[in-house]
Every structure is written in C-alpha cells, then in structure tokens.
Amino acid sequence: KLSKAIQHEKTQLEALKQRLTHAQVPHILTKKGNAQSISEWYNTRLSRVLFDYLMREGFTKTAELLLRRDHLGQLVDTKIYSTMRTIISSLEAQQCTAALKWCGENRTRLKKNNSLLELDLRIQEFLLMIEKSKLEAIKYARKWLQPHCSVYPDKVQRAMGALAFTSIAKSPYKSMLSSDHWNALIKQFKIDCSVLYGLPSSPMLCIDFQAGLALLKTEQCFVEDEKLLNCPVCQPPFNELSQGLPFSRKNISTLVCRISGKPMKDNNPPVALPNGYVYSKDALDEMAANNNGTITCPRTGLTCNYNDLKKIFI
C-alpha cells in the first residue's frame, strides 16, 4: 500500500513538472522570436481546454481521440475526468453506489470542505430502499444515517418521515426521486469534485468564452429587437453564457448596421428610411441594386424608393 502511494506521488510530481515546463514555454519562445513554436503552444493549450470540456460533457470517445492526436499525455487529468464521468453516468442512471464509494475514499477531505454530498446520497439510497423493503431501509438508516443525527438532526428526521408512507411515489417525498433531484445531486457532485481536485467549477472553454463576451456585452444584446446577426453575445448559446457577466464599458458609442452587422463610419455612413429606422449606406446600396432601387425595412416591412433615403450626420 505504501509503495502504491509513493508511485502515485511520483506520477503526480512528474505531471506537475511537465505542466510547469509547458507553462514557461511562451515566455522563452517570445524572447527567441519563434512565432511558429508559439502558435504550436497555443494549439496545445486549446486542445487541453477542449479536452476538459469534452470530458466534463460526456464526449469521452472524442476526448480520447484528441488526447492521442495531440499527445497531451500528462498535461491533462485523464484519470480524474474519467472518474467524474463514471460517477456522473451512474447518477444519471439513478444509482448511488459509485458516488458513495468515491465519497468513502475522500471522506476526510470532503468533511473539511463541509460537503453534504455523502449524507444526501445516503438519504437518496434510503428512500430507494423504502420502495423495496422498509425493514432493510430501517437497518440501513441505523448504520448510515444515525451517525449524522448529532450534526444534521433536521435533515435526518425529515428523511425518516418517509417511513410513514406506503409508497414514496405517492408521498410528499416523491420530488426527491424525480429527475430534477437527481440532476441536483449531479450538480452537487460536480461542485464538490471540482473543489476537491482544485478544478474550475465551470469548463475552461466556457470561462475563456466569458472573458471575451464580457468585452462585447451591451444592454442591447438582451433586447429582442436590438440583437445583431453577427454579434456573438446576441446569439442564443453565448447569450445564455453571458448571463451574470458585467456589461462592457464603452467611452465612445458605435453605430452598427442591423442588416450587415458592420459599423457605420465616414466611409459607410448611416442612412434613414422615411419611417425613421437607420441602416448603413453600403447595406442599402446592395439592397437597392438587387431590388431595382426598392428598399424594404427589415423591421417594419415598409418599402420605399432609394431616392427617399436621407443621409444622417453624426
């Protein structure tokens, strides 16, 4: 057992050494001016971020292909992510065994983090057991729930109340066997696992995207009539991801054409339609060329002649 622990520590130290060496590469290459090698380093970093996302989201086979193709080796925590995926799959199948085994192996560290995951899993297994045999459920409670009575009496007593019902599915406890509650347990496991292993609570890919979205996010991105086609924050996946991020601070306002998505400047000035809506000259010129001089407002459907447009000066 001691030899296994020593070997495990050696493996972890070797992995740490490789990652520290890898982290120093951009600084060294920048001094040497080796642009190609810097590009390769950034590609490797991107592969690490993608591997993290794929493993967290359950795309294991794709992640393994990426691991082999880009020779990531000890630059990624393959074993940790594999363990997480196995336990998450088990919880998705509404089974607590794998998660409880993991809690047992890391009980001391979870206790230091004030984690309630093991207790919640025990209660979940207790409720499942009531459906099969109340006698076995009582034996289970004496062994696994009773030790928690002194610290979390309300939580344990509330769970014990389920014994009064003939069926959990027809009791006030039925919500605890729903898919939503299982998803809550999965979320709780992900958080505790991330804290335990020092991993970010969200995939690094999402964090990197959020860093960029925060620079583009404006109030208009959340107003349906103001959204732009080529604005990343306005698109559904990124719009949801940017929730909770601060709005970008812009000292100088920028007018962006709703049709083309391009800024309206001196060489592409804003032009007003008779109904007051404003678009860029280049976009309206292209529309007029394709429709025999007729302009159609994409918002209201108003049609007018190109000669009815008025140039706006800012």
Protein backbone atom coordinates (compact mmCIF):
# COMPACT_ATOMS: atom_id res chain seq x y z
CA LYS A 1 0.00 0.00 0.00
CA LEU A 2 2.85 2.38 0.83
CA SER A 3 4.62 1.59 -2.46
CA LYS A 4 1.42 2.45 -4.36
CA ALA A 5 1.21 5.79 -2.55
CA ILE A 6 4.84 6.57 -3.35
CA GLN A 7 4.33 5.66 -7.00
CA HIS A 8 1.20 7.83 -7.13
CA GLU A 9 3.14 10.80 -5.71
CA LYS A 10 5.94 10.28 -8.23
CA THR A 11 3.41 10.27 -11.08
CA GLN A 12 1.79 13.46 -9.77
CA LEU A 13 5.16 15.20 -9.40
CA GLU A 14 6.17 14.22 -12.94
CA ALA A 15 2.89 15.57 -14.28
CA LEU A 16 3.36 18.80 -12.32
CA LYS A 17 6.90 19.17 -13.67
CA GLN A 18 5.71 18.75 -17.27
CA ARG A 19 2.94 21.30 -16.81
CA LEU A 20 5.26 23.87 -15.24
CA THR A 21 7.73 23.40 -18.10
CA HIS A 22 4.88 23.76 -20.58
CA ALA A 23 3.68 26.97 -18.88
CA GLN A 24 7.15 28.56 -19.26
CA VAL A 25 7.36 27.87 -22.99
CA PRO A 26 5.61 31.07 -24.29
CA HIS A 27 7.93 33.32 -22.26
CA ILE A 28 11.02 31.52 -23.58
CA LEU A 29 9.81 31.43 -27.20
CA THR A 30 8.78 35.11 -27.15
CA LYS A 31 12.35 36.08 -26.27
CA LYS A 32 13.64 33.93 -29.14
CA GLY A 33 11.01 35.27 -31.54
CA ASN A 34 9.93 31.79 -32.66
CA ALA A 35 6.41 32.54 -33.96
CA GLN A 36 5.73 29.03 -35.29
CA SER A 37 6.54 27.35 -31.98
CA ILE A 38 4.39 29.87 -30.11
CA SER A 39 1.50 29.02 -32.43
CA GLU A 40 2.00 25.31 -31.71
CA TRP A 41 1.98 26.03 -27.97
CA TYR A 42 -1.34 27.87 -28.24
CA ASN A 43 -2.78 24.97 -30.25
CA THR A 44 -1.76 22.60 -27.46
CA ARG A 45 -3.37 24.86 -24.88
CA LEU A 46 -6.57 24.94 -26.95
CA SER A 47 -6.54 21.14 -27.11
CA ARG A 48 -6.24 20.99 -23.31
CA VAL A 49 -9.23 23.33 -22.94
CA LEU A 50 -11.26 21.28 -25.43
CA PHE A 51 -10.31 18.04 -23.68
CA ASP A 52 -11.53 19.48 -20.37
CA TYR A 53 -14.87 20.45 -21.94
CA LEU A 54 -15.40 17.17 -23.79
CA MET A 55 -14.72 15.06 -20.70
CA ARG A 56 -16.98 17.17 -18.49
CA GLU A 57 -19.82 16.98 -21.01
CA GLY A 58 -19.52 13.24 -21.54
CA PHE A 59 -17.93 13.14 -25.02
CA THR A 60 -15.38 10.61 -23.82
CA LYS A 61 -14.51 8.96 -27.13
CA THR A 62 -13.92 12.30 -28.85
CA ALA A 63 -11.76 13.41 -25.91
CA GLU A 64 -9.67 10.24 -26.14
CA LEU A 65 -9.11 10.82 -29.87
CA LEU A 66 -7.98 14.38 -29.11
CA LEU A 67 -5.69 13.11 -26.35
CA ARG A 68 -3.91 10.70 -28.70
CA ARG A 69 -3.83 13.02 -31.71
CA ASP A 70 -2.24 15.96 -29.89
CA HIS A 71 -0.09 13.88 -27.50
CA LEU A 72 -1.43 15.66 -24.43
CA GLY A 73 -0.16 12.94 -22.08
CA GLN A 74 0.28 14.26 -18.54
CA LEU A 75 -0.78 17.77 -19.49
CA VAL A 76 -4.38 16.78 -18.68
CA ASP A 77 -6.02 15.00 -15.73
CA THR A 78 -7.32 11.98 -17.62
CA LYS A 79 -7.91 9.80 -14.56
CA ILE A 80 -9.83 12.50 -12.66
CA TYR A 81 -12.13 13.22 -15.58
CA SER A 82 -12.71 9.50 -16.23
CA THR A 83 -13.69 9.03 -12.58
CA MET A 84 -16.02 12.02 -12.74
CA ARG A 85 -17.67 10.73 -15.90
CA THR A 86 -18.17 7.23 -14.46
CA ILE A 87 -19.86 8.62 -11.34
CA ILE A 88 -22.00 11.09 -13.29
CA SER A 89 -23.17 8.29 -15.61
CA SER A 90 -24.06 6.23 -12.53
CA LEU A 91 -26.09 9.10 -11.03
CA GLU A 92 -27.82 9.67 -14.38
CA ALA A 93 -28.88 6.03 -14.18
CA GLN A 94 -30.22 6.83 -10.66
CA GLN A 95 -27.66 4.72 -8.84
CA CYS A 96 -25.66 5.94 -5.83
CA THR A 97 -23.11 3.11 -5.43
CA ALA A 98 -20.23 4.63 -7.43
CA ALA A 99 -20.71 8.09 -5.93
CA LEU A 100 -20.83 6.70 -2.38
CA LYS A 101 -17.65 4.72 -2.99
CA TRP A 102 -15.93 7.92 -4.12
CA CYS A 103 -17.23 9.75 -1.03
CA GLY A 104 -15.84 6.98 1.17
CA GLU A 105 -12.41 7.26 -0.44
CA ASN A 106 -12.36 11.04 0.06
CA ARG A 107 -14.39 11.32 3.28
CA THR A 108 -11.78 13.25 5.27
CA ARG A 109 -11.21 15.90 2.60
CA LEU A 110 -14.95 16.24 1.90
CA LYS A 111 -15.59 16.74 5.60
CA LYS A 112 -13.01 19.55 5.72
CA ASN A 113 -14.91 21.21 2.86
CA ASN A 114 -18.21 20.87 4.80
CA SER A 115 -19.67 18.76 2.00
CA LEU A 116 -23.14 17.22 2.48
CA LEU A 117 -22.87 15.07 -0.63
CA GLU A 118 -22.44 11.74 1.17
CA LEU A 119 -25.38 12.42 3.50
CA ASP A 120 -27.61 13.43 0.59
CA LEU A 121 -26.63 10.29 -1.30
CA ARG A 122 -27.32 8.14 1.78
CA ILE A 123 -30.76 9.71 2.12
CA GLN A 124 -31.38 9.12 -1.56
CA GLU A 125 -30.42 5.45 -1.25
CA PHE A 126 -32.54 5.18 1.90
CA LEU A 127 -35.62 6.44 0.01
CA LEU A 128 -35.00 4.00 -2.83
CA MET A 129 -34.72 1.19 -0.29
CA ILE A 130 -38.09 2.03 1.28
CA GLU A 131 -39.75 1.17 -2.03
CA LYS A 132 -38.29 -2.35 -1.82
CA SER A 133 -38.28 -3.17 1.89
CA LYS A 134 -38.95 -0.92 4.90
CA LEU A 135 -37.19 -3.36 7.22
CA GLU A 136 -33.99 -3.16 5.16
CA ALA A 137 -34.39 0.61 4.96
CA ILE A 138 -34.52 0.86 8.78
CA LYS A 139 -31.37 -1.26 9.09
CA TYR A 140 -29.70 0.96 6.51
CA ALA A 141 -30.74 4.11 8.39
CA ARG A 142 -29.32 2.82 11.67
CA LYS A 143 -25.99 2.13 10.02
CA TRP A 144 -25.57 5.15 7.76
CA LEU A 145 -27.98 7.93 8.83
CA GLN A 146 -27.85 7.66 12.60
CA PRO A 147 -24.19 8.84 12.80
CA HIS A 148 -25.29 12.15 11.21
CA CYS A 149 -28.11 12.80 13.72
CA SER A 150 -25.94 14.80 16.09
CA VAL A 151 -24.76 17.23 13.37
CA TYR A 152 -27.74 17.33 10.97
CA PRO A 153 -30.76 16.21 13.05
CA ASP A 154 -33.38 18.08 10.97
CA LYS A 155 -32.17 16.58 7.70
CA VAL A 156 -32.13 13.02 9.06
CA GLN A 157 -35.51 13.35 10.83
CA ARG A 158 -37.10 14.70 7.67
CA ALA A 159 -35.80 11.69 5.74
CA MET A 160 -37.05 9.24 8.39
CA GLY A 161 -40.54 10.61 7.96
CA ALA A 162 -40.71 8.78 4.62
CA LEU A 163 -41.23 5.52 6.56
CA ALA A 164 -44.76 6.65 7.41
CA PHE A 165 -45.88 6.35 3.77
CA THR A 166 -46.72 3.14 1.94
CA SER A 167 -45.20 4.44 -1.30
CA ILE A 168 -42.66 7.23 -1.88
CA ALA A 169 -44.13 7.86 -5.33
CA LYS A 170 -47.46 8.84 -3.71
CA SER A 171 -45.99 10.86 -0.85
CA PRO A 172 -44.61 14.38 -0.34
CA TYR A 173 -41.17 12.81 -0.84
CA LYS A 174 -41.83 11.94 -4.49
CA SER A 175 -39.94 15.02 -5.68
CA MET A 176 -36.76 13.55 -4.15
CA LEU A 177 -36.94 10.67 -6.62
CA SER A 178 -37.59 12.92 -9.62
CA SER A 179 -35.06 13.51 -12.39
CA ASP A 180 -34.69 17.13 -11.22
CA HIS A 181 -33.46 15.96 -7.81
CA TRP A 182 -31.01 13.52 -9.41
CA ASN A 183 -29.73 16.39 -11.57
CA ALA A 184 -29.27 18.44 -8.39
CA LEU A 185 -27.17 15.61 -6.93
CA ILE A 186 -25.07 15.52 -10.10
CA LYS A 187 -24.53 19.28 -9.88
CA GLN A 188 -23.57 18.94 -6.21
CA PHE A 189 -21.11 16.16 -7.06
CA LYS A 190 -19.50 18.27 -9.81
CA ILE A 191 -19.02 21.20 -7.42
CA ASP A 192 -17.55 19.05 -4.62
CA CYS A 193 -15.32 17.17 -7.05
CA SER A 194 -14.01 20.41 -8.56
CA VAL A 195 -13.22 21.82 -5.11
CA LEU A 196 -11.56 18.57 -4.03
CA TYR A 197 -9.26 18.36 -7.07
CA GLY A 198 -8.73 22.11 -7.46
CA LEU A 199 -10.55 22.27 -10.81
CA PRO A 200 -12.58 25.25 -12.05
CA SER A 201 -16.30 24.90 -11.28
CA SER A 202 -17.07 25.52 -14.99
CA PRO A 203 -15.26 24.17 -18.06
CA MET A 204 -12.25 26.29 -19.04
CA LEU A 205 -13.75 26.67 -22.54
CA CYS A 206 -16.77 28.47 -21.06
CA ILE A 207 -14.55 30.63 -18.85
CA ASP A 208 -12.42 31.65 -21.85
CA PHE A 209 -15.56 32.49 -23.85
CA GLN A 210 -16.93 34.54 -20.95
CA ALA A 211 -13.71 36.56 -20.81
CA GLY A 212 -14.28 37.61 -24.43
CA LEU A 213 -18.06 38.03 -24.14
CA ALA A 214 -17.65 40.46 -21.24
CA LEU A 215 -15.87 42.84 -23.64
CA LEU A 216 -18.74 42.71 -26.15
CA LYS A 217 -21.78 42.55 -23.88
CA THR A 218 -24.17 45.53 -24.02
CA GLU A 219 -27.73 46.13 -22.82
CA GLN A 220 -28.97 45.85 -26.40
CA CYS A 221 -27.81 42.22 -26.57
CA PHE A 222 -30.80 41.29 -24.39
CA VAL A 223 -33.44 43.33 -26.22
CA GLU A 224 -35.00 41.15 -28.92
CA ASP A 225 -35.50 43.96 -31.46
CA GLU A 226 -31.94 45.24 -31.00
CA LYS A 227 -30.00 41.98 -31.47
CA LEU A 228 -27.46 41.77 -34.32
CA LEU A 229 -26.89 38.74 -36.52
CA ASN A 230 -23.10 38.80 -36.30
CA CYS A 231 -22.81 39.78 -32.61
CA PRO A 232 -21.66 36.73 -30.61
CA VAL A 233 -23.44 37.84 -27.43
CA CYS A 234 -26.75 38.16 -29.29
CA GLN A 235 -26.69 34.51 -30.36
CA PRO A 236 -28.63 32.03 -28.14
CA PRO A 237 -25.73 29.86 -26.85
CA PHE A 238 -23.50 32.82 -25.98
CA ASN A 239 -26.41 34.97 -24.80
CA GLU A 240 -27.13 32.42 -22.09
CA LEU A 241 -23.43 32.03 -21.27
CA SER A 242 -23.05 35.79 -20.78
CA GLN A 243 -25.78 35.96 -18.14
CA GLY A 244 -24.33 37.37 -14.93
CA LEU A 245 -21.33 38.96 -16.66
CA PRO A 246 -20.80 42.72 -16.33
CA PHE A 247 -21.64 44.95 -19.28
CA SER A 248 -18.70 46.28 -21.26
CA ARG A 249 -17.72 49.88 -20.70
CA LYS A 250 -17.59 51.93 -23.88
CA ASN A 251 -16.47 55.55 -23.74
CA ILE A 252 -17.32 56.06 -27.41
CA SER A 253 -20.62 54.84 -28.88
CA THR A 254 -20.56 52.76 -32.04
CA LEU A 255 -23.44 52.54 -34.52
CA VAL A 256 -23.78 49.07 -36.05
CA CYS A 257 -25.96 48.30 -39.04
CA ARG A 258 -28.66 45.73 -38.29
CA ILE A 259 -28.58 44.43 -41.87
CA SER A 260 -24.84 43.97 -42.46
CA GLY A 261 -23.59 43.98 -38.86
CA LYS A 262 -20.83 46.42 -39.86
CA PRO A 263 -20.03 49.69 -38.06
CA MET A 264 -21.38 52.88 -39.60
CA LYS A 265 -18.47 55.29 -40.16
CA ASP A 266 -17.42 58.07 -42.54
CA ASN A 267 -16.91 55.61 -45.41
CA ASN A 268 -20.15 53.78 -44.58
CA PRO A 269 -22.43 56.50 -43.15
CA PRO A 270 -25.85 55.93 -41.55
CA VAL A 271 -28.90 56.49 -43.73
CA ALA A 272 -32.50 56.96 -42.51
CA LEU A 273 -35.63 55.50 -44.08
CA PRO A 274 -38.90 57.52 -44.14
CA ASN A 275 -40.10 55.56 -41.07
CA GLY A 276 -37.08 56.73 -39.04
CA TYR A 277 -35.13 53.46 -38.91
CA VAL A 278 -31.42 53.79 -39.66
CA TYR A 279 -29.12 51.42 -41.59
CA SER A 280 -25.73 51.68 -43.26
CA LYS A 281 -25.33 53.10 -46.76
CA ASP A 282 -23.42 50.04 -48.05
CA ALA A 283 -26.18 47.65 -46.94
CA LEU A 284 -28.92 49.79 -48.52
CA ASP A 285 -26.91 50.24 -51.72
CA GLU A 286 -26.65 46.48 -52.04
CA MET A 287 -30.36 46.03 -51.32
CA ALA A 288 -31.29 48.64 -53.90
CA ALA A 289 -29.02 47.05 -56.54
CA ASN A 290 -30.70 43.67 -56.01
CA ASN A 291 -34.28 45.03 -55.99
CA ASN A 292 -34.36 47.60 -58.81
CA GLY A 293 -33.96 50.58 -56.47
CA THR A 294 -36.55 49.43 -53.93
CA ILE A 295 -35.71 49.42 -50.23
CA THR A 296 -37.55 47.24 -47.71
CA CYS A 297 -37.21 47.90 -43.99
CA PRO A 298 -36.35 44.54 -42.34
CA ARG A 299 -38.07 45.58 -39.11
CA THR A 300 -41.40 47.05 -40.28
CA GLY A 301 -41.68 45.79 -43.87
CA LEU A 302 -42.04 49.35 -45.22
CA THR A 303 -40.98 49.71 -48.89
CA CYS A 304 -39.69 52.91 -50.39
CA ASN A 305 -37.59 54.22 -53.25
CA TYR A 306 -33.82 54.64 -52.84
CA ASN A 307 -34.22 58.37 -53.53
CA ASP A 308 -36.40 58.71 -50.41
CA LEU A 309 -33.46 57.89 -48.12
CA LYS A 310 -31.78 60.62 -46.10
CA LYS A 311 -28.15 60.68 -45.03
CA ILE A 312 -27.55 61.26 -41.34
CA PHE A 313 -24.65 63.29 -39.98
CA ILE A 314 -23.23 62.44 -36.55
